[in-house]
PDB file of all heavy atoms in Angstrom:
ATOM      1  N   LYS A   1      -9.369 -13.426   4.378  1.00  0.00           N
ATOM      2  CA  LYS A   1     -10.814 -13.644   4.190  1.00  0.00           C
ATOM      3  C   LYS A   1     -11.602 -12.842   5.230  1.00  0.00           C
ATOM      4  O   LYS A   1     -12.623 -12.211   4.920  1.00  0.00           O
ATOM      5  CB  LYS A   1     -11.127 -15.132   4.316  1.00  0.00           C
ATOM      6  CG  LYS A   1     -12.628 -15.474   4.317  1.00  0.00           C
ATOM      7  CD  LYS A   1     -13.292 -15.120   2.996  1.00  0.00           C
ATOM      8  CE  LYS A   1     -14.674 -15.751   2.864  1.00  0.00           C
ATOM      9  NZ  LYS A   1     -15.601 -15.379   3.946  1.00  0.00           N
ATOM     10  N   GLU A   2     -11.106 -12.822   6.465  1.00  0.00           N
ATOM     11  CA  GLU A   2     -11.766 -12.045   7.517  1.00  0.00           C
ATOM     12  C   GLU A   2     -11.747 -10.549   7.183  1.00  0.00           C
ATOM     13  O   GLU A   2     -12.756  -9.847   7.328  1.00  0.00           O
ATOM     14  CB  GLU A   2     -11.080 -12.293   8.857  1.00  0.00           C
ATOM     15  CG  GLU A   2     -11.237 -13.713   9.380  1.00  0.00           C
ATOM     16  CD  GLU A   2     -10.298 -14.034  10.530  1.00  0.00           C
ATOM     17  OE1 GLU A   2      -9.399 -13.209  10.817  1.00  0.00           O
ATOM     18  OE2 GLU A   2     -10.453 -15.117  11.131  1.00  0.00           O
ATOM     19  N   LEU A   3     -10.586 -10.069   6.732  1.00  0.00           N
ATOM     20  CA  LEU A   3     -10.467  -8.649   6.395  1.00  0.00           C
ATOM     21  C   LEU A   3     -11.348  -8.293   5.201  1.00  0.00           C
ATOM     22  O   LEU A   3     -11.927  -7.195   5.144  1.00  0.00           O
ATOM     23  CB  LEU A   3      -9.004  -8.296   6.103  1.00  0.00           C
ATOM     24  CG  LEU A   3      -8.045  -8.406   7.290  1.00  0.00           C
ATOM     25  CD1 LEU A   3      -6.606  -8.224   6.827  1.00  0.00           C
ATOM     26  CD2 LEU A   3      -8.397  -7.379   8.358  1.00  0.00           C
ATOM     27  N   ASP A   4     -11.467  -9.231   4.264  1.00  0.00           N
ATOM     28  CA  ASP A   4     -12.354  -9.013   3.122  1.00  0.00           C
ATOM     29  C   ASP A   4     -13.812  -8.968   3.576  1.00  0.00           C
ATOM     30  O   ASP A   4     -14.600  -8.138   3.103  1.00  0.00           O
ATOM     31  CB  ASP A   4     -12.141 -10.124   2.100  1.00  0.00           C
ATOM     32  CG  ASP A   4     -12.979  -9.917   0.851  1.00  0.00           C
ATOM     33  OD1 ASP A   4     -12.861  -8.854   0.213  1.00  0.00           O
ATOM     34  OD2 ASP A   4     -13.776 -10.813   0.520  1.00  0.00           O
ATOM     35  N   ASP A   5     -14.158  -9.825   4.531  1.00  0.00           N
ATOM     36  CA  ASP A   5     -15.521  -9.814   5.064  1.00  0.00           C
ATOM     37  C   ASP A   5     -15.835  -8.502   5.772  1.00  0.00           C
ATOM     38  O   ASP A   5     -16.989  -8.054   5.784  1.00  0.00           O
ATOM     39  CB  ASP A   5     -15.717 -10.984   6.032  1.00  0.00           C
ATOM     40  CG  ASP A   5     -15.753 -12.335   5.331  1.00  0.00           C
ATOM     41  OD1 ASP A   5     -15.953 -12.357   4.098  1.00  0.00           O
ATOM     42  OD2 ASP A   5     -15.560 -13.360   6.018  1.00  0.00           O
ATOM     43  N   PHE A   6     -14.816  -7.887   6.368  1.00  0.00           N
ATOM     44  CA  PHE A   6     -14.997  -6.577   7.013  1.00  0.00           C
ATOM     45  C   PHE A   6     -15.122  -5.452   5.983  1.00  0.00           C
ATOM     46  O   PHE A   6     -15.423  -4.308   6.341  1.00  0.00           O
ATOM     47  CB  PHE A   6     -13.821  -6.252   7.929  1.00  0.00           C
ATOM     48  CG  PHE A   6     -13.708  -7.124   9.144  1.00  0.00           C
ATOM     49  CD1 PHE A   6     -12.473  -7.426   9.684  1.00  0.00           C
ATOM     50  CD2 PHE A   6     -14.837  -7.663   9.752  1.00  0.00           C
ATOM     51  CE1 PHE A   6     -12.361  -8.225  10.812  1.00  0.00           C
ATOM     52  CE2 PHE A   6     -14.733  -8.459  10.880  1.00  0.00           C
ATOM     53  CZ  PHE A   6     -13.480  -8.752  11.416  1.00  0.00           C
ATOM     54  N   GLY A   7     -14.865  -5.774   4.720  1.00  0.00           N
ATOM     55  CA  GLY A   7     -14.943  -4.762   3.670  1.00  0.00           C
ATOM     56  C   GLY A   7     -13.703  -3.907   3.539  1.00  0.00           C
ATOM     57  O   GLY A   7     -13.765  -2.816   2.964  1.00  0.00           O
ATOM     58  N   LEU A   8     -12.549  -4.412   4.023  1.00  0.00           N
ATOM     59  CA  LEU A   8     -11.328  -3.618   4.028  1.00  0.00           C
ATOM     60  C   LEU A   8     -10.420  -3.886   2.827  1.00  0.00           C
ATOM     61  O   LEU A   8      -9.485  -3.122   2.588  1.00  0.00           O
ATOM     62  CB  LEU A   8     -10.536  -3.887   5.321  1.00  0.00           C
ATOM     63  CG  LEU A   8     -11.255  -3.540   6.630  1.00  0.00           C
ATOM     64  CD1 LEU A   8     -10.410  -3.957   7.818  1.00  0.00           C
ATOM     65  CD2 LEU A   8     -11.572  -2.046   6.687  1.00  0.00           C
ATOM     66  N   LEU A   9     -10.669  -4.971   2.090  1.00  0.00           N
ATOM     67  CA  LEU A   9      -9.777  -5.368   1.005  1.00  0.00           C
ATOM     68  C   LEU A   9     -10.534  -5.498  -0.312  1.00  0.00           C
ATOM     69  O   LEU A   9     -11.752  -5.660  -0.339  1.00  0.00           O
ATOM     70  CB  LEU A   9      -9.102  -6.708   1.322  1.00  0.00           C
ATOM     71  CG  LEU A   9      -8.265  -6.796   2.594  1.00  0.00           C
ATOM     72  CD1 LEU A   9      -7.671  -8.195   2.728  1.00  0.00           C
ATOM     73  CD2 LEU A   9      -7.164  -5.748   2.593  1.00  0.00           C
ATOM     74  N   VAL A  10      -9.772  -5.441  -1.391  1.00  0.00           N
ATOM     75  CA  VAL A  10     -10.314  -5.691  -2.717  1.00  0.00           C
ATOM     76  C   VAL A  10      -9.256  -6.444  -3.500  1.00  0.00           C
ATOM     77  O   VAL A  10      -8.044  -6.250  -3.304  1.00  0.00           O
ATOM     78  CB  VAL A  10     -10.689  -4.370  -3.433  1.00  0.00           C
ATOM     79  CG1 VAL A  10      -9.465  -3.482  -3.644  1.00  0.00           C
ATOM     80  CG2 VAL A  10     -11.391  -4.643  -4.751  1.00  0.00           C
ATOM     81  N   GLU A  11      -9.674  -7.363  -4.373  1.00  0.00           N
ATOM     82  CA  GLU A  11      -8.735  -8.129  -5.188  1.00  0.00           C
ATOM     83  C   GLU A  11      -8.464  -7.414  -6.498  1.00  0.00           C
ATOM     84  O   GLU A  11      -9.362  -6.820  -7.101  1.00  0.00           O
ATOM     85  CB  GLU A  11      -9.279  -9.529  -5.466  1.00  0.00           C
ATOM     86  CG  GLU A  11      -9.270 -10.443  -4.246  1.00  0.00           C
ATOM     87  CD  GLU A  11      -9.675 -11.855  -4.598  1.00  0.00           C
ATOM     88  OE1 GLU A  11     -10.400 -12.042  -5.603  1.00  0.00           O
ATOM     89  OE2 GLU A  11      -9.274 -12.791  -3.869  1.00  0.00           O
ATOM     90  N   ASP A  12      -7.207  -7.493  -6.936  1.00  0.00           N
ATOM     91  CA  ASP A  12      -6.793  -6.902  -8.213  1.00  0.00           C
ATOM     92  C   ASP A  12      -6.311  -8.045  -9.100  1.00  0.00           C
ATOM     93  O   ASP A  12      -5.220  -8.582  -8.898  1.00  0.00           O
ATOM     94  CB  ASP A  12      -5.667  -5.887  -7.969  1.00  0.00           C
ATOM     95  CG  ASP A  12      -5.225  -5.200  -9.245  1.00  0.00           C
ATOM     96  OD1 ASP A  12      -6.040  -5.068 -10.158  1.00  0.00           O
ATOM     97  OD2 ASP A  12      -4.039  -4.799  -9.317  1.00  0.00           O
ATOM     98  N   VAL A  13      -7.130  -8.442 -10.055  1.00  0.00           N
ATOM     99  CA  VAL A  13      -6.835  -9.632 -10.857  1.00  0.00           C
ATOM    100  C   VAL A  13      -5.676  -9.355 -11.811  1.00  0.00           C
ATOM    101  O   VAL A  13      -5.687  -8.386 -12.566  1.00  0.00           O
ATOM    102  CB  VAL A  13      -8.072 -10.085 -11.647  1.00  0.00           C
ATOM    103  CG1 VAL A  13      -7.734 -11.295 -12.509  1.00  0.00           C
ATOM    104  CG2 VAL A  13      -9.213 -10.409 -10.691  1.00  0.00           C
ATOM    105  N   HIS A  14      -4.641 -10.235 -11.759  1.00  0.00           N
ATOM    106  CA  HIS A  14      -3.516 -10.182 -12.688  1.00  0.00           C
ATOM    107  C   HIS A  14      -3.495 -11.472 -13.496  1.00  0.00           C
ATOM    108  O   HIS A  14      -3.454 -12.571 -12.938  1.00  0.00           O
ATOM    109  CB  HIS A  14      -2.192 -10.061 -11.918  1.00  0.00           C
ATOM    110  CG  HIS A  14      -1.935  -8.679 -11.434  1.00  0.00           C
ATOM    111  ND1 HIS A  14      -0.739  -8.289 -10.871  1.00  0.00           N
ATOM    112  CD2 HIS A  14      -2.727  -7.577 -11.411  1.00  0.00           C
ATOM    113  CE1 HIS A  14      -0.806  -7.015 -10.513  1.00  0.00           C
ATOM    114  NE2 HIS A  14      -2.000  -6.571 -10.833  1.00  0.00           N
ATOM    115  N   ARG A  15      -3.503 -11.356 -14.810  1.00  0.00           N
ATOM    116  CA  ARG A  15      -3.405 -12.540 -15.663  1.00  0.00           C
ATOM    117  C   ARG A  15      -1.988 -12.609 -16.232  1.00  0.00           C
ATOM    118  O   ARG A  15      -1.478 -11.644 -16.779  1.00  0.00           O
ATOM    119  CB  ARG A  15      -4.432 -12.489 -16.798  1.00  0.00           C
ATOM    120  CG  ARG A  15      -5.859 -12.549 -16.278  1.00  0.00           C
ATOM    121  CD  ARG A  15      -6.852 -12.812 -17.382  1.00  0.00           C
ATOM    122  NE  ARG A  15      -8.206 -12.917 -16.853  1.00  0.00           N
ATOM    123  CZ  ARG A  15      -8.720 -14.024 -16.370  1.00  0.00           C
ATOM    124  NH1 ARG A  15      -8.002 -15.139 -16.372  1.00  0.00           N
ATOM    125  NH2 ARG A  15      -9.958 -14.053 -15.895  1.00  0.00           N
ATOM    126  N   THR A  16      -1.372 -13.767 -16.096  1.00  0.00           N
ATOM    127  CA  THR A  16       0.019 -13.938 -16.522  1.00  0.00           C
ATOM    128  C   THR A  16       0.142 -14.489 -17.926  1.00  0.00           C
ATOM    129  O   THR A  16       1.232 -14.572 -18.470  1.00  0.00           O
ATOM    130  CB  THR A  16       0.744 -14.898 -15.560  1.00  0.00           C
ATOM    131  OG1 THR A  16       0.108 -16.174 -15.617  1.00  0.00           O
ATOM    132  CG2 THR A  16       0.689 -14.360 -14.133  1.00  0.00           C
ATOM    133  N   GLY A  17      -0.980 -14.906 -18.531  1.00  0.00           N
ATOM    134  CA  GLY A  17      -0.922 -15.513 -19.860  1.00  0.00           C
ATOM    135  C   GLY A  17      -0.909 -17.023 -19.807  1.00  0.00           C
ATOM    136  O   GLY A  17      -1.145 -17.691 -20.802  1.00  0.00           O
ATOM    137  N   ALA A  18      -0.618 -17.589 -18.625  1.00  0.00           N
ATOM    138  CA  ALA A  18      -0.607 -19.037 -18.479  1.00  0.00           C
ATOM    139  C   ALA A  18      -2.010 -19.535 -18.163  1.00  0.00           C
ATOM    140  O   ALA A  18      -2.884 -18.794 -17.748  1.00  0.00           O
ATOM    141  CB  ALA A  18       0.370 -19.435 -17.362  1.00  0.00           C
ATOM    142  N   ARG A  19      -2.225 -20.840 -18.375  1.00  0.00           N
ATOM    143  CA  ARG A  19      -3.515 -21.424 -18.061  1.00  0.00           C
ATOM    144  C   ARG A  19      -3.698 -21.498 -16.553  1.00  0.00           C
ATOM    145  O   ARG A  19      -2.754 -21.476 -15.776  1.00  0.00           O
ATOM    146  CB  ARG A  19      -3.622 -22.821 -18.662  1.00  0.00           C
ATOM    147  CG  ARG A  19      -3.707 -22.801 -20.184  1.00  0.00           C
ATOM    148  CD  ARG A  19      -3.947 -24.202 -20.711  1.00  0.00           C
ATOM    149  NE  ARG A  19      -4.097 -24.209 -22.159  1.00  0.00           N
ATOM    150  CZ  ARG A  19      -4.385 -25.296 -22.857  1.00  0.00           C
ATOM    151  NH1 ARG A  19      -4.546 -26.462 -22.242  1.00  0.00           N
ATOM    152  NH2 ARG A  19      -4.501 -25.228 -24.169  1.00  0.00           N
ATOM    153  N   GLY A  20      -4.945 -21.636 -16.118  1.00  0.00           N
ATOM    154  CA  GLY A  20      -5.232 -21.774 -14.703  1.00  0.00           C
ATOM    155  C   GLY A  20      -5.804 -20.495 -14.128  1.00  0.00           C
ATOM    156  O   GLY A  20      -6.123 -19.539 -14.841  1.00  0.00           O
ATOM    157  N   GLN A  21      -5.930 -20.485 -12.812  1.00  0.00           N
ATOM    158  CA  GLN A  21      -6.518 -19.360 -12.123  1.00  0.00           C
ATOM    159  C   GLN A  21      -5.580 -18.141 -12.182  1.00  0.00           C
ATOM    160  O   GLN A  21      -4.369 -18.273 -12.036  1.00  0.00           O
ATOM    161  CB  GLN A  21      -6.775 -19.716 -10.656  1.00  0.00           C
ATOM    162  CG  GLN A  21      -7.849 -20.767 -10.456  1.00  0.00           C
ATOM    163  CD  GLN A  21      -9.205 -20.251 -10.882  1.00  0.00           C
ATOM    164  OE1 GLN A  21      -9.539 -19.089 -10.662  1.00  0.00           O
ATOM    165  NE2 GLN A  21      -9.991 -21.120 -11.512  1.00  0.00           N
ATOM    166  N   PRO A  22      -6.136 -16.945 -12.401  1.00  0.00           N
ATOM    167  CA  PRO A  22      -5.283 -15.753 -12.399  1.00  0.00           C
ATOM    168  C   PRO A  22      -4.810 -15.426 -10.980  1.00  0.00           C
ATOM    169  O   PRO A  22      -5.432 -15.806  -9.992  1.00  0.00           O
ATOM    170  CB  PRO A  22      -6.232 -14.653 -12.899  1.00  0.00           C
ATOM    171  CG  PRO A  22      -7.596 -15.138 -12.522  1.00  0.00           C
ATOM    172  CD  PRO A  22      -7.547 -16.638 -12.653  1.00  0.00           C
ATOM    173  N   VAL A  23      -3.685 -14.744 -10.888  1.00  0.00           N
ATOM    174  CA  VAL A  23      -3.189 -14.263  -9.601  1.00  0.00           C
ATOM    175  C   VAL A  23      -4.119 -13.153  -9.121  1.00  0.00           C
ATOM    176  O   VAL A  23      -4.544 -12.303  -9.907  1.00  0.00           O
ATOM    177  CB  VAL A  23      -1.746 -13.723  -9.750  1.00  0.00           C
ATOM    178  CG1 VAL A  23      -1.253 -13.161  -8.422  1.00  0.00           C
ATOM    179  CG2 VAL A  23      -0.828 -14.835 -10.241  1.00  0.00           C
ATOM    180  N   ARG A  24      -4.461 -13.172  -7.833  1.00  0.00           N
ATOM    181  CA  ARG A  24      -5.387 -12.181  -7.286  1.00  0.00           C
ATOM    182  C   ARG A  24      -4.725 -11.437  -6.121  1.00  0.00           C
ATOM    183  O   ARG A  24      -5.028 -11.714  -4.958  1.00  0.00           O
ATOM    184  CB  ARG A  24      -6.684 -12.859  -6.836  1.00  0.00           C
ATOM    185  CG  ARG A  24      -7.473 -13.485  -7.975  1.00  0.00           C
ATOM    186  CD  ARG A  24      -8.755 -14.117  -7.487  1.00  0.00           C
ATOM    187  NE  ARG A  24      -9.515 -14.697  -8.572  1.00  0.00           N
ATOM    188  CZ  ARG A  24     -10.376 -14.045  -9.344  1.00  0.00           C
ATOM    189  NH1 ARG A  24     -10.591 -12.755  -9.136  1.00  0.00           N
ATOM    190  NH2 ARG A  24     -11.022 -14.652 -10.313  1.00  0.00           N
ATOM    191  N   PRO A  25      -3.823 -10.524  -6.434  1.00  0.00           N
ATOM    192  CA  PRO A  25      -3.191  -9.748  -5.360  1.00  0.00           C
ATOM    193  C   PRO A  25      -4.197  -8.839  -4.678  1.00  0.00           C
ATOM    194  O   PRO A  25      -5.236  -8.485  -5.250  1.00  0.00           O
ATOM    195  CB  PRO A  25      -2.118  -8.938  -6.094  1.00  0.00           C
ATOM    196  CG  PRO A  25      -2.598  -8.852  -7.495  1.00  0.00           C
ATOM    197  CD  PRO A  25      -3.342 -10.127  -7.763  1.00  0.00           C
ATOM    198  N   LEU A  26      -3.888  -8.477  -3.457  1.00  0.00           N
ATOM    199  CA  LEU A  26      -4.813  -7.733  -2.625  1.00  0.00           C
ATOM    200  C   LEU A  26      -4.430  -6.264  -2.508  1.00  0.00           C
ATOM    201  O   LEU A  26      -3.255  -5.902  -2.480  1.00  0.00           O
ATOM    202  CB  LEU A  26      -4.860  -8.356  -1.222  1.00  0.00           C
ATOM    203  CG  LEU A  26      -5.407  -9.781  -1.169  1.00  0.00           C
ATOM    204  CD1 LEU A  26      -5.128 -10.400   0.193  1.00  0.00           C
ATOM    205  CD2 LEU A  26      -6.904  -9.786  -1.471  1.00  0.00           C
ATOM    206  N   LEU A  27      -5.462  -5.427  -2.409  1.00  0.00           N
ATOM    207  CA  LEU A  27      -5.303  -3.990  -2.204  1.00  0.00           C
ATOM    208  C   LEU A  27      -6.200  -3.546  -1.051  1.00  0.00           C
ATOM    209  O   LEU A  27      -7.215  -4.175  -0.755  1.00  0.00           O
ATOM    210  CB  LEU A  27      -5.725  -3.215  -3.463  1.00  0.00           C
ATOM    211  CG  LEU A  27      -4.817  -3.249  -4.680  1.00  0.00           C
ATOM    212  CD1 LEU A  27      -5.575  -2.710  -5.891  1.00  0.00           C
ATOM    213  CD2 LEU A  27      -3.574  -2.418  -4.445  1.00  0.00           C
ATOM    214  N   ILE A  28      -5.804  -2.444  -0.428  1.00  0.00           N
ATOM    215  CA  ILE A  28      -6.688  -1.800   0.537  1.00  0.00           C
ATOM    216  C   ILE A  28      -7.896  -1.214  -0.197  1.00  0.00           C
ATOM    217  O   ILE A  28      -7.758  -0.620  -1.268  1.00  0.00           O
ATOM    218  CB  ILE A  28      -5.938  -0.660   1.272  1.00  0.00           C
ATOM    219  CG1 ILE A  28      -4.809  -1.222   2.138  1.00  0.00           C
ATOM    220  CG2 ILE A  28      -6.894   0.178   2.099  1.00  0.00           C
ATOM    221  CD1 ILE A  28      -5.273  -1.972   3.357  1.00  0.00           C
ATOM    222  N   LYS A  29      -9.079  -1.391   0.366  1.00  0.00           N
ATOM    223  CA  LYS A  29     -10.282  -0.776  -0.206  1.00  0.00           C
ATOM    224  C   LYS A  29     -10.353   0.666   0.300  1.00  0.00           C
ATOM    225  O   LYS A  29     -10.639   0.916   1.473  1.00  0.00           O
ATOM    226  CB  LYS A  29     -11.527  -1.552   0.195  1.00  0.00           C
ATOM    227  CG  LYS A  29     -12.786  -1.161  -0.570  1.00  0.00           C
ATOM    228  CD  LYS A  29     -13.932  -2.107  -0.249  1.00  0.00           C
ATOM    229  CE  LYS A  29     -15.123  -1.853  -1.168  1.00  0.00           C
ATOM    230  NZ  LYS A  29     -15.710  -0.510  -1.002  1.00  0.00           N
ATOM    231  N   ALA A  30     -10.062   1.599  -0.574  1.00  0.00           N
ATOM    232  CA  ALA A  30      -9.853   2.990  -0.170  1.00  0.00           C
ATOM    233  C   ALA A  30     -11.048   3.578   0.573  1.00  0.00           C
ATOM    234  O   ALA A  30     -10.883   4.298   1.566  1.00  0.00           O
ATOM    235  CB  ALA A  30      -9.520   3.846  -1.389  1.00  0.00           C
ATOM    236  N   ASP A  31     -12.248   3.298   0.109  1.00  0.00           N
ATOM    237  CA  ASP A  31     -13.422   3.924   0.704  1.00  0.00           C
ATOM    238  C   ASP A  31     -14.018   3.116   1.852  1.00  0.00           C
ATOM    239  O   ASP A  31     -15.141   3.363   2.283  1.00  0.00           O
ATOM    240  CB  ASP A  31     -14.491   4.198  -0.355  1.00  0.00           C
ATOM    241  CG  ASP A  31     -15.036   2.927  -0.992  1.00  0.00           C
ATOM    242  OD1 ASP A  31     -14.509   1.828  -0.686  1.00  0.00           O
ATOM    243  OD2 ASP A  31     -15.984   3.025  -1.790  1.00  0.00           O
ATOM    244  N   ALA A  32     -13.246   2.146   2.380  1.00  0.00           N
ATOM    245  CA  ALA A  32     -13.747   1.345   3.493  1.00  0.00           C
ATOM    246  C   ALA A  32     -13.822   2.154   4.776  1.00  0.00           C
ATOM    247  O   ALA A  32     -14.652   1.876   5.642  1.00  0.00           O
ATOM    248  CB  ALA A  32     -12.861   0.119   3.705  1.00  0.00           C
ATOM    249  N   ALA A  33     -12.933   3.144   4.922  1.00  0.00           N
ATOM    250  CA  ALA A  33     -12.911   3.948   6.146  1.00  0.00           C
ATOM    251  C   ALA A  33     -12.235   5.271   5.849  1.00  0.00           C
ATOM    252  O   ALA A  33     -11.468   5.413   4.886  1.00  0.00           O
ATOM    253  CB  ALA A  33     -12.177   3.210   7.263  1.00  0.00           C
ATOM    254  N   TYR A  34     -12.516   6.233   6.724  1.00  0.00           N
ATOM    255  CA  TYR A  34     -11.943   7.573   6.613  1.00  0.00           C
ATOM    256  C   TYR A  34     -11.525   8.051   8.003  1.00  0.00           C
ATOM    257  O   TYR A  34     -12.000   7.555   9.035  1.00  0.00           O
ATOM    258  CB  TYR A  34     -12.962   8.557   6.036  1.00  0.00           C
ATOM    259  CG  TYR A  34     -13.418   8.230   4.645  1.00  0.00           C
ATOM    260  CD1 TYR A  34     -14.465   7.329   4.427  1.00  0.00           C
ATOM    261  CD2 TYR A  34     -12.811   8.811   3.529  1.00  0.00           C
ATOM    262  CE1 TYR A  34     -14.889   7.013   3.150  1.00  0.00           C
ATOM    263  CE2 TYR A  34     -13.233   8.495   2.255  1.00  0.00           C
ATOM    264  CZ  TYR A  34     -14.260   7.608   2.066  1.00  0.00           C
ATOM    265  OH  TYR A  34     -14.679   7.296   0.796  1.00  0.00           O
ATOM    266  N   ALA A  35     -10.639   9.026   8.010  1.00  0.00           N
ATOM    267  CA  ALA A  35     -10.294   9.720   9.250  1.00  0.00           C
ATOM    268  C   ALA A  35     -10.093  11.187   8.922  1.00  0.00           C
ATOM    269  O   ALA A  35      -9.718  11.543   7.797  1.00  0.00           O
ATOM    270  CB  ALA A  35      -9.032   9.144   9.879  1.00  0.00           C
ATOM    271  N   ALA A  36     -10.351  12.033   9.891  1.00  0.00           N
ATOM    272  CA  ALA A  36     -10.115  13.463   9.733  1.00  0.00           C
ATOM    273  C   ALA A  36      -8.899  13.853  10.560  1.00  0.00           C
ATOM    274  O   ALA A  36      -8.630  13.269  11.611  1.00  0.00           O
ATOM    275  CB  ALA A  36     -11.334  14.269  10.170  1.00  0.00           C
ATOM    276  N   GLY A  37      -8.161  14.844  10.082  1.00  0.00           N
ATOM    277  CA  GLY A  37      -6.997  15.353  10.791  1.00  0.00           C
ATOM    278  C   GLY A  37      -7.118  16.847  11.010  1.00  0.00           C
ATOM    279  O   GLY A  37      -7.482  17.589  10.089  1.00  0.00           O
ATOM    280  N   VAL A  38      -6.799  17.301  12.231  1.00  0.00           N
ATOM    281  CA  VAL A  38      -6.912  18.713  12.602  1.00  0.00           C
ATOM    282  C   VAL A  38      -5.522  19.246  12.921  1.00  0.00           C
ATOM    283  O   VAL A  38      -4.810  18.696  13.762  1.00  0.00           O
ATOM    284  CB  VAL A  38      -7.833  18.889  13.824  1.00  0.00           C
ATOM    285  CG1 VAL A  38      -7.963  20.370  14.178  1.00  0.00           C
ATOM    286  CG2 VAL A  38      -9.199  18.274  13.560  1.00  0.00           C
TER     287      VAL A  38
END
């Protein structure tokens, strides 16, 4: 939750076909930060 508040994560909703809440696996939010390499 803290990392999500920092804007670093995003949820990827997976539905299994069963009733109830879908599984919400986490991914890195790609555009949350960048770095340059020389």
